[in-house]
Amino acid sequence: MSLAGAAPTAIYTTPAHRGNIRNGVDGCGHVESGKRNLPVSEEVREDGPQVTKEHANRRGLPPDRRRKHTAELLAACAACLIPWTVMLGLTLPSSRHVHQWRLTWVGFDVLLIIALASTAFLAWRRSRSVILYAHATAVLLICDTWFDISLDAGTEDVWMAGGLALLTELPLAAFLIHRAHSLIALLPWPPAHNAAGDTAGSRTEPVPDGETFPPGLRTGG
């Protein structure tokens, strides 16, 4: 089925390709008569334009390679924490007199207030950064729950800590994580790789009003 006459909810890829359309370059890289002859830096295949290797190299490491390096770094950090955690479990005392107890908890609550207020402000401004702040705030709420319950274990205060965790902190953390993931699902996501093996990918965007699909972007089905 051709999408040439579809509603503007369909997509085409890369802002550069949209610029080519506006300047008279069709989906196959041809320049229409009477239009400015601008260089075409994309390869158009049946499934749409893709960024060339030369353009990908100018942008640094391919996204797949960056993702791989990031995953390897995080996996190495997790592996290093395993023996460290075992050592702490075997060597740390079960109790210890600490200094600045009040400052520690007041400082943590101030940090939590800043995180909550920043998340609310960014949500009001409709900023995409709210995704990061929502996750950070949820992590702080979960940490607050853990420290409250673990430090109050064996005392009467543990019931208050458990009630606050079940009624406020954990539900709010779950809500923030759920909302953040809902927003992430709405964002465009580049493909893992293209048919030629490049990992540059392309970003999907809504078709603006008044623009139509070039021939190279029509899909059959």
Protein backbone atom coordinates (compact mmCIF):
# COMPACT_ATOMS: atom_id res chain seq x y z
CA MET A 1 0.00 0.00 0.00
CA SER A 2 1.40 3.41 -0.92
CA LEU A 3 1.62 6.00 1.80
CA ALA A 4 1.77 8.92 -0.62
CA GLY A 5 -1.75 10.01 0.19
CA ALA A 6 -1.70 9.09 3.87
CA ALA A 7 -2.35 11.45 6.73
CA PRO A 8 0.53 13.46 8.22
CA THR A 9 1.02 10.83 10.91
CA ALA A 10 3.36 8.84 8.64
CA ILE A 11 7.09 9.40 8.84
CA TYR A 12 10.18 10.08 6.80
CA THR A 13 13.77 10.09 7.98
CA THR A 14 16.42 12.68 8.82
CA PRO A 15 16.01 16.47 8.79
CA ALA A 16 18.52 16.67 5.93
CA HIS A 17 16.18 14.68 3.68
CA ARG A 18 13.33 17.05 4.51
CA GLY A 19 15.61 19.90 3.46
CA ASN A 20 16.29 18.11 0.16
CA ILE A 21 12.56 17.81 -0.47
CA ARG A 22 12.04 21.51 0.15
CA ASN A 23 14.91 22.36 -2.18
CA GLY A 24 13.68 20.19 -5.02
CA VAL A 25 15.53 16.92 -4.50
CA ASP A 26 13.23 13.94 -4.86
CA GLY A 27 13.47 10.64 -3.04
CA CYS A 28 15.87 9.19 -5.62
CA GLY A 29 18.41 12.01 -5.38
CA HIS A 30 17.30 13.76 -8.58
CA VAL A 31 16.97 17.52 -8.71
CA GLU A 32 13.81 18.89 -10.26
CA SER A 33 14.11 21.55 -12.91
CA GLY A 34 13.98 25.12 -11.67
CA LYS A 35 15.17 24.15 -8.19
CA ARG A 36 18.48 24.86 -6.55
CA ASN A 37 21.08 22.16 -7.16
CA LEU A 38 22.18 21.23 -3.63
CA PRO A 39 24.45 18.30 -2.83
CA VAL A 40 22.69 15.16 -1.72
CA SER A 41 24.56 13.46 1.12
CA GLU A 42 22.22 10.51 1.53
CA GLU A 43 21.70 7.16 -0.10
CA VAL A 44 18.07 6.36 -0.86
CA ARG A 45 16.96 2.76 -0.83
CA GLU A 46 13.57 1.17 -1.00
CA ASP A 47 13.07 1.62 2.73
CA GLY A 48 14.06 5.30 2.69
CA PRO A 49 17.20 7.45 2.85
CA GLN A 50 20.12 6.43 5.00
CA VAL A 51 23.11 8.43 6.18
CA THR A 52 26.26 7.56 4.25
CA LYS A 53 29.43 6.14 5.85
CA GLU A 54 31.27 9.41 5.20
CA HIS A 55 28.62 11.36 7.11
CA ALA A 56 28.63 8.78 9.93
CA ASN A 57 32.41 9.00 10.27
CA ARG A 58 32.21 12.76 10.69
CA ARG A 59 29.91 12.26 13.66
CA GLY A 60 32.40 10.03 15.54
CA LEU A 61 31.82 6.45 16.63
CA PRO A 62 28.72 4.72 15.26
CA PRO A 63 25.82 4.50 17.74
CA ASP A 64 26.01 0.70 17.95
CA ARG A 65 29.68 0.87 18.91
CA ARG A 66 28.99 3.57 21.52
CA ARG A 67 26.20 1.47 22.99
CA LYS A 68 28.50 -1.56 23.08
CA HIS A 69 31.25 0.35 24.88
CA THR A 70 28.74 1.75 27.39
CA ALA A 71 27.33 -1.72 28.09
CA GLU A 72 30.82 -3.15 28.54
CA LEU A 73 31.77 -0.36 30.96
CA LEU A 74 28.65 -0.85 33.08
CA ALA A 75 29.09 -4.65 33.08
CA ALA A 76 32.69 -4.24 34.26
CA CYS A 77 31.57 -1.90 37.06
CA ALA A 78 28.92 -4.39 38.17
CA ALA A 79 31.48 -7.21 38.15
CA CYS A 80 33.92 -5.16 40.26
CA LEU A 81 31.21 -4.39 42.82
CA ILE A 82 30.56 -8.08 43.51
CA PRO A 83 33.80 -8.84 45.43
CA TRP A 84 33.65 -5.42 47.09
CA THR A 85 30.13 -6.10 48.37
CA VAL A 86 31.13 -9.56 49.62
CA MET A 87 34.09 -8.04 51.48
CA LEU A 88 31.85 -5.43 53.12
CA GLY A 89 29.42 -8.13 54.21
CA LEU A 90 32.24 -10.05 55.88
CA THR A 91 34.13 -7.18 57.48
CA LEU A 92 31.72 -4.36 58.42
CA PRO A 93 30.40 -4.28 62.00
CA SER A 94 26.65 -4.60 62.56
CA SER A 95 26.56 -1.30 64.50
CA ARG A 96 28.66 1.83 64.65
CA HIS A 97 28.51 5.25 66.31
CA VAL A 98 28.37 7.93 63.61
CA HIS A 99 28.90 11.68 63.59
CA GLN A 100 26.81 14.31 61.78
CA TRP A 101 23.74 12.07 61.79
CA ARG A 102 21.41 15.08 61.63
CA LEU A 103 23.37 16.73 58.82
CA THR A 104 23.34 13.52 56.80
CA TRP A 105 19.57 13.11 56.87
CA VAL A 106 18.72 16.80 56.49
CA GLY A 107 21.10 17.01 53.53
CA PHE A 108 19.53 13.96 51.93
CA ASP A 109 16.02 15.38 52.35
CA VAL A 110 17.12 18.72 50.87
CA LEU A 111 18.47 16.81 47.85
CA LEU A 112 15.15 14.97 47.56
CA ILE A 113 13.22 18.26 47.72
CA ILE A 114 15.40 19.72 44.94
CA ALA A 115 14.86 16.60 42.80
CA LEU A 116 11.07 16.67 43.27
CA ALA A 117 10.83 20.41 42.59
CA SER A 118 13.06 20.16 39.50
CA THR A 119 10.98 17.29 38.11
CA ALA A 120 7.77 19.24 38.66
CA PHE A 121 9.24 22.36 37.02
CA LEU A 122 10.48 20.47 33.96
CA ALA A 123 7.13 18.69 33.64
CA TRP A 124 5.37 22.06 33.73
CA ARG A 125 7.77 23.36 31.05
CA ARG A 126 7.14 20.22 28.96
CA SER A 127 10.91 19.59 28.75
CA ARG A 128 12.29 16.24 27.67
CA SER A 129 14.82 16.50 30.48
CA VAL A 130 12.00 15.57 32.85
CA ILE A 131 12.71 11.92 31.93
CA LEU A 132 16.15 12.04 33.54
CA TYR A 133 14.97 13.96 36.59
CA ALA A 134 12.01 11.64 37.11
CA HIS A 135 14.29 8.60 37.14
CA ALA A 136 16.75 10.30 39.51
CA THR A 137 13.94 11.31 41.87
CA ALA A 138 12.54 7.78 41.85
CA VAL A 139 15.98 6.37 42.74
CA LEU A 140 16.29 8.83 45.64
CA LEU A 141 12.86 7.80 46.93
CA ILE A 142 13.82 4.12 46.80
CA CYS A 143 17.11 4.86 48.59
CA ASP A 144 15.20 6.82 51.24
CA THR A 145 12.94 3.83 51.80
CA TRP A 146 15.87 1.43 52.10
CA PHE A 147 17.79 3.54 54.60
CA ASP A 148 14.70 4.31 56.70
CA ILE A 149 13.71 0.68 57.06
CA SER A 150 17.19 -0.83 57.38
CA LEU A 151 18.39 1.71 59.96
CA ASP A 152 15.18 1.48 61.99
CA ALA A 153 15.05 -2.33 61.94
CA GLY A 154 14.71 -3.73 65.43
CA THR A 155 13.11 -0.55 66.79
CA GLU A 156 9.57 0.74 67.05
CA ASP A 157 10.31 3.33 64.35
CA VAL A 158 10.46 0.61 61.72
CA TRP A 159 6.65 0.54 61.56
CA MET A 160 6.48 4.23 60.76
CA ALA A 161 9.22 3.83 58.15
CA GLY A 162 7.44 0.86 56.58
CA GLY A 163 4.11 2.69 56.47
CA LEU A 164 5.62 5.74 54.80
CA ALA A 165 7.39 3.50 52.29
CA LEU A 166 4.23 1.60 51.33
CA LEU A 167 1.91 4.60 51.26
CA THR A 168 4.03 7.37 49.77
CA GLU A 169 7.65 6.76 48.77
CA LEU A 170 7.42 3.52 46.79
CA PRO A 171 4.14 4.38 45.00
CA LEU A 172 5.53 7.77 44.01
CA ALA A 173 8.76 6.19 42.78
CA ALA A 174 6.81 3.63 40.74
CA PHE A 175 4.64 6.39 39.28
CA LEU A 176 7.67 8.46 38.23
CA ILE A 177 9.36 5.48 36.60
CA HIS A 178 6.16 4.54 34.78
CA ARG A 179 5.63 8.08 33.49
CA ALA A 180 9.26 8.40 32.42
CA HIS A 181 9.10 5.14 30.46
CA SER A 182 5.83 6.24 28.87
CA LEU A 183 7.56 9.39 27.62
CA ILE A 184 10.55 7.40 26.36
CA ALA A 185 8.18 5.23 24.31
CA LEU A 186 6.96 8.36 22.52
CA LEU A 187 10.45 9.47 21.46
CA PRO A 188 11.93 8.46 18.08
CA TRP A 189 14.57 5.75 18.31
CA PRO A 190 17.26 5.05 15.66
CA PRO A 191 17.49 1.56 14.14
CA ALA A 192 20.32 -0.71 15.26
CA HIS A 193 21.88 -0.74 11.80
CA ASN A 194 21.01 -0.39 8.15
CA ALA A 195 21.25 -2.91 5.35
CA ALA A 196 24.76 -1.79 4.36
CA GLY A 197 26.10 -2.48 7.83
CA ASP A 198 26.32 1.16 8.89
CA THR A 199 25.22 2.02 12.37
CA ALA A 200 24.47 5.67 11.77
CA GLY A 201 20.76 5.01 11.51
CA SER A 202 18.12 7.62 10.89
CA ARG A 203 15.72 9.53 13.08
CA THR A 204 12.02 9.40 12.35
CA GLU A 205 10.01 12.58 12.28
CA PRO A 206 6.36 13.45 11.53
CA VAL A 207 5.69 14.72 8.08
CA PRO A 208 4.94 18.47 8.33
CA ASP A 209 1.64 19.76 6.97
CA GLY A 210 1.73 20.49 3.28
CA GLU A 211 4.56 18.08 2.46
CA THR A 212 4.22 14.77 0.65
CA PHE A 213 6.28 11.63 0.49
CA PRO A 214 9.06 11.32 -2.09
CA PRO A 215 8.95 8.14 -4.20
CA GLY A 216 11.84 6.56 -2.28
CA LEU A 217 9.88 6.63 0.97
CA ARG A 218 6.74 4.83 -0.16
CA THR A 219 6.41 1.42 1.38
CA GLY A 220 4.52 -1.52 0.09
CA GLY A 221 2.40 -3.80 2.23
